[in-house]
Amino acid sequence: MLDLRKAEIKSSAKLSLFTFCGGVELRVPETWRVNVSGTPLLGGWENRAATPADKNAPILNIDATCILGGIEIKN
């Protein structure tokens, strides 16, 4: 598990995640917007993070590569 709930970003940040035959659980603060894009190959990601009402909320852009694995994103 990668826990970013105590991390801070000012406006935006980029995170690259790679999974192969396994999984990653990512925890993010409820105040962040999370955008995920990438390449799933017999795997994928699930973004369960709540979307904050604040239009100016910090944005975490995730570039995901999932091969026979998965990424779960939540608060």
N, C-alpha and C. Protein backbone atom coordinates (compact mmCIF):
# COMPACT_ATOMS: atom_id res chain seq x y z
N MET A 1 0.85 -1.17 0.00
CA MET A 1 0.00 0.00 0.00
C MET A 1 0.90 1.24 0.00
N LEU A 2 0.49 2.20 -0.80
CA LEU A 2 1.15 3.50 -0.86
C LEU A 2 0.16 4.51 -0.28
N ASP A 3 0.50 5.07 0.88
CA ASP A 3 -0.41 5.97 1.60
C ASP A 3 0.08 7.41 1.46
N LEU A 4 -0.67 8.22 0.71
CA LEU A 4 -0.32 9.63 0.49
C LEU A 4 -1.26 10.57 1.25
N ARG A 5 -2.05 10.06 2.19
CA ARG A 5 -3.06 10.88 2.85
C ARG A 5 -2.49 12.05 3.65
N LYS A 6 -1.23 11.99 4.05
CA LYS A 6 -0.62 13.10 4.77
C LYS A 6 0.26 13.97 3.88
N ALA A 7 0.31 13.64 2.60
CA ALA A 7 1.12 14.40 1.65
C ALA A 7 0.38 15.67 1.23
N GLU A 8 1.14 16.63 0.74
CA GLU A 8 0.56 17.89 0.26
C GLU A 8 1.11 18.20 -1.13
N ILE A 9 0.22 18.70 -2.00
CA ILE A 9 0.64 19.23 -3.29
C ILE A 9 -0.04 20.58 -3.46
N LYS A 10 0.65 21.49 -4.14
CA LYS A 10 0.10 22.84 -4.28
C LYS A 10 -0.97 22.92 -5.36
N SER A 11 -0.66 22.49 -6.56
CA SER A 11 -1.68 22.56 -7.62
C SER A 11 -1.83 21.22 -8.34
N SER A 12 -0.70 20.61 -8.73
CA SER A 12 -0.79 19.31 -9.39
C SER A 12 0.51 18.54 -9.21
N ALA A 13 0.40 17.23 -9.38
CA ALA A 13 1.57 16.35 -9.29
C ALA A 13 1.31 15.16 -10.21
N LYS A 14 2.40 14.50 -10.63
CA LYS A 14 2.28 13.32 -11.48
C LYS A 14 2.92 12.14 -10.77
N LEU A 15 2.25 11.00 -10.86
CA LEU A 15 2.75 9.77 -10.25
C LEU A 15 2.66 8.67 -11.30
N SER A 16 3.76 7.95 -11.51
CA SER A 16 3.77 6.82 -12.44
C SER A 16 3.74 5.54 -11.62
N LEU A 17 2.80 4.66 -11.93
CA LEU A 17 2.67 3.38 -11.24
C LEU A 17 2.75 2.25 -12.24
N PHE A 18 3.46 1.18 -11.87
CA PHE A 18 3.61 0.00 -12.71
C PHE A 18 3.29 -1.23 -11.87
N THR A 19 2.41 -2.08 -12.37
CA THR A 19 2.13 -3.35 -11.69
C THR A 19 2.33 -4.49 -12.67
N PHE A 20 2.87 -5.58 -12.15
CA PHE A 20 3.06 -6.78 -12.94
C PHE A 20 2.76 -7.97 -12.03
N CYS A 21 1.72 -8.72 -12.36
CA CYS A 21 1.33 -9.89 -11.57
C CYS A 21 1.13 -9.55 -10.09
N GLY A 22 0.52 -8.44 -9.83
CA GLY A 22 0.27 -8.04 -8.45
C GLY A 22 -0.60 -6.81 -8.42
N GLY A 23 -0.65 -6.19 -7.27
CA GLY A 23 -1.52 -5.03 -7.15
C GLY A 23 -0.94 -3.95 -6.26
N VAL A 24 -1.50 -2.77 -6.40
CA VAL A 24 -1.12 -1.62 -5.59
C VAL A 24 -2.40 -1.00 -5.05
N GLU A 25 -2.41 -0.73 -3.75
CA GLU A 25 -3.50 0.03 -3.15
C GLU A 25 -2.94 1.41 -2.84
N LEU A 26 -3.58 2.42 -3.40
CA LEU A 26 -3.12 3.80 -3.24
C LEU A 26 -4.16 4.58 -2.45
N ARG A 27 -3.73 5.23 -1.37
CA ARG A 27 -4.62 6.06 -0.56
C ARG A 27 -4.24 7.52 -0.77
N VAL A 28 -5.25 8.35 -1.04
CA VAL A 28 -5.03 9.78 -1.28
C VAL A 28 -5.94 10.60 -0.37
N PRO A 29 -5.58 11.86 -0.08
CA PRO A 29 -6.44 12.71 0.72
C PRO A 29 -7.78 12.97 0.03
N GLU A 30 -8.81 13.19 0.82
CA GLU A 30 -10.14 13.47 0.28
C GLU A 30 -10.20 14.82 -0.45
N THR A 31 -9.20 15.65 -0.24
CA THR A 31 -9.18 16.99 -0.85
C THR A 31 -8.53 17.02 -2.22
N TRP A 32 -8.04 15.88 -2.71
CA TRP A 32 -7.38 15.82 -4.02
C TRP A 32 -8.32 15.29 -5.09
N ARG A 33 -8.17 15.81 -6.30
CA ARG A 33 -8.79 15.22 -7.48
C ARG A 33 -7.77 14.22 -8.04
N VAL A 34 -8.26 13.11 -8.57
CA VAL A 34 -7.36 12.08 -9.10
C VAL A 34 -7.77 11.77 -10.54
N ASN A 35 -6.83 11.90 -11.46
CA ASN A 35 -7.02 11.54 -12.86
C ASN A 35 -6.09 10.37 -13.17
N VAL A 36 -6.64 9.34 -13.79
CA VAL A 36 -5.84 8.15 -14.11
C VAL A 36 -5.90 7.90 -15.61
N SER A 37 -4.74 7.66 -16.20
CA SER A 37 -4.67 7.24 -17.59
C SER A 37 -3.49 6.28 -17.71
N GLY A 38 -3.47 5.53 -18.78
CA GLY A 38 -2.36 4.62 -18.94
C GLY A 38 -2.69 3.44 -19.81
N THR A 39 -1.97 2.33 -19.56
CA THR A 39 -2.08 1.14 -20.38
C THR A 39 -2.42 -0.08 -19.52
N PRO A 40 -3.64 -0.58 -19.64
CA PRO A 40 -3.97 -1.84 -18.95
C PRO A 40 -3.79 -3.02 -19.91
N LEU A 41 -3.08 -4.03 -19.49
CA LEU A 41 -2.89 -5.24 -20.29
C LEU A 41 -3.24 -6.43 -19.40
N LEU A 42 -4.44 -6.97 -19.58
CA LEU A 42 -4.95 -8.03 -18.72
C LEU A 42 -4.92 -7.60 -17.25
N GLY A 43 -5.21 -6.35 -17.03
CA GLY A 43 -5.28 -5.77 -15.69
C GLY A 43 -5.99 -4.45 -15.79
N GLY A 44 -5.92 -3.65 -14.75
CA GLY A 44 -6.55 -2.34 -14.82
C GLY A 44 -6.50 -1.61 -13.50
N TRP A 45 -7.26 -0.53 -13.42
CA TRP A 45 -7.31 0.27 -12.21
C TRP A 45 -8.74 0.62 -11.88
N GLU A 46 -8.94 0.92 -10.60
CA GLU A 46 -10.26 1.34 -10.12
C GLU A 46 -10.06 2.57 -9.26
N ASN A 47 -10.65 3.68 -9.69
CA ASN A 47 -10.53 4.94 -8.96
C ASN A 47 -11.77 5.11 -8.09
N ARG A 48 -11.64 4.83 -6.80
CA ARG A 48 -12.74 4.98 -5.85
C ARG A 48 -12.60 6.23 -5.00
N ALA A 49 -11.64 7.06 -5.32
CA ALA A 49 -11.43 8.29 -4.55
C ALA A 49 -12.59 9.25 -4.77
N ALA A 50 -13.05 9.84 -3.68
CA ALA A 50 -14.14 10.82 -3.78
C ALA A 50 -13.66 12.04 -4.53
N THR A 51 -14.56 12.66 -5.30
CA THR A 51 -14.23 13.88 -6.03
C THR A 51 -14.61 15.08 -5.16
N PRO A 52 -13.62 15.91 -4.80
CA PRO A 52 -13.94 17.07 -3.97
C PRO A 52 -14.79 18.10 -4.72
N ALA A 53 -15.59 18.84 -3.97
CA ALA A 53 -16.45 19.87 -4.57
C ALA A 53 -15.66 21.08 -5.03
N ASP A 54 -14.50 21.30 -4.42
CA ASP A 54 -13.67 22.46 -4.75
C ASP A 54 -13.07 22.32 -6.15
N LYS A 55 -13.43 23.23 -7.05
CA LYS A 55 -12.90 23.19 -8.43
C LYS A 55 -11.39 23.44 -8.46
N ASN A 56 -10.85 24.08 -7.44
CA ASN A 56 -9.43 24.41 -7.40
C ASN A 56 -8.62 23.41 -6.56
N ALA A 57 -9.20 22.25 -6.30
CA ALA A 57 -8.52 21.23 -5.51
C ALA A 57 -7.25 20.76 -6.22
N PRO A 58 -6.22 20.39 -5.47
CA PRO A 58 -5.00 19.86 -6.09
C PRO A 58 -5.33 18.61 -6.91
N ILE A 59 -4.58 18.41 -7.99
CA ILE A 59 -4.83 17.30 -8.90
C ILE A 59 -3.63 16.36 -8.90
N LEU A 60 -3.90 15.08 -8.70
CA LEU A 60 -2.89 14.04 -8.84
C LEU A 60 -3.16 13.32 -10.14
N ASN A 61 -2.22 13.43 -11.08
CA ASN A 61 -2.33 12.75 -12.38
C ASN A 61 -1.51 11.47 -12.30
N ILE A 62 -2.18 10.35 -12.51
CA ILE A 62 -1.51 9.05 -12.40
C ILE A 62 -1.37 8.45 -13.80
N ASP A 63 -0.14 8.07 -14.13
CA ASP A 63 0.15 7.35 -15.36
C ASP A 63 0.35 5.89 -14.96
N ALA A 64 -0.61 5.04 -15.29
CA ALA A 64 -0.61 3.66 -14.81
C ALA A 64 -0.31 2.67 -15.93
N THR A 65 0.54 1.70 -15.61
CA THR A 65 0.77 0.56 -16.48
C THR A 65 0.46 -0.68 -15.66
N CYS A 66 -0.55 -1.42 -16.08
CA CYS A 66 -1.00 -2.60 -15.33
C CYS A 66 -0.92 -3.82 -16.23
N ILE A 67 -0.01 -4.72 -15.90
CA ILE A 67 0.15 -5.96 -16.65
C ILE A 67 -0.17 -7.12 -15.70
N LEU A 68 -1.28 -7.80 -15.97
CA LEU A 68 -1.73 -8.90 -15.11
C LEU A 68 -1.83 -8.46 -13.65
N GLY A 69 -2.22 -7.23 -13.42
CA GLY A 69 -2.33 -6.72 -12.07
C GLY A 69 -3.30 -5.57 -12.01
N GLY A 70 -3.36 -4.94 -10.86
CA GLY A 70 -4.32 -3.86 -10.73
C GLY A 70 -3.90 -2.80 -9.74
N ILE A 71 -4.57 -1.66 -9.84
CA ILE A 71 -4.35 -0.54 -8.94
C ILE A 71 -5.71 -0.11 -8.40
N GLU A 72 -5.81 0.01 -7.09
CA GLU A 72 -7.03 0.49 -6.45
C GLU A 72 -6.72 1.81 -5.75
N ILE A 73 -7.46 2.84 -6.10
CA ILE A 73 -7.24 4.18 -5.55
C ILE A 73 -8.45 4.53 -4.69
N LYS A 74 -8.18 4.94 -3.46
CA LYS A 74 -9.27 5.32 -2.57
C LYS A 74 -8.77 6.29 -1.51
N ASN A 75 -9.73 6.87 -0.75
CA ASN A 75 -9.38 7.82 0.30
C ASN A 75 -9.05 7.11 1.59
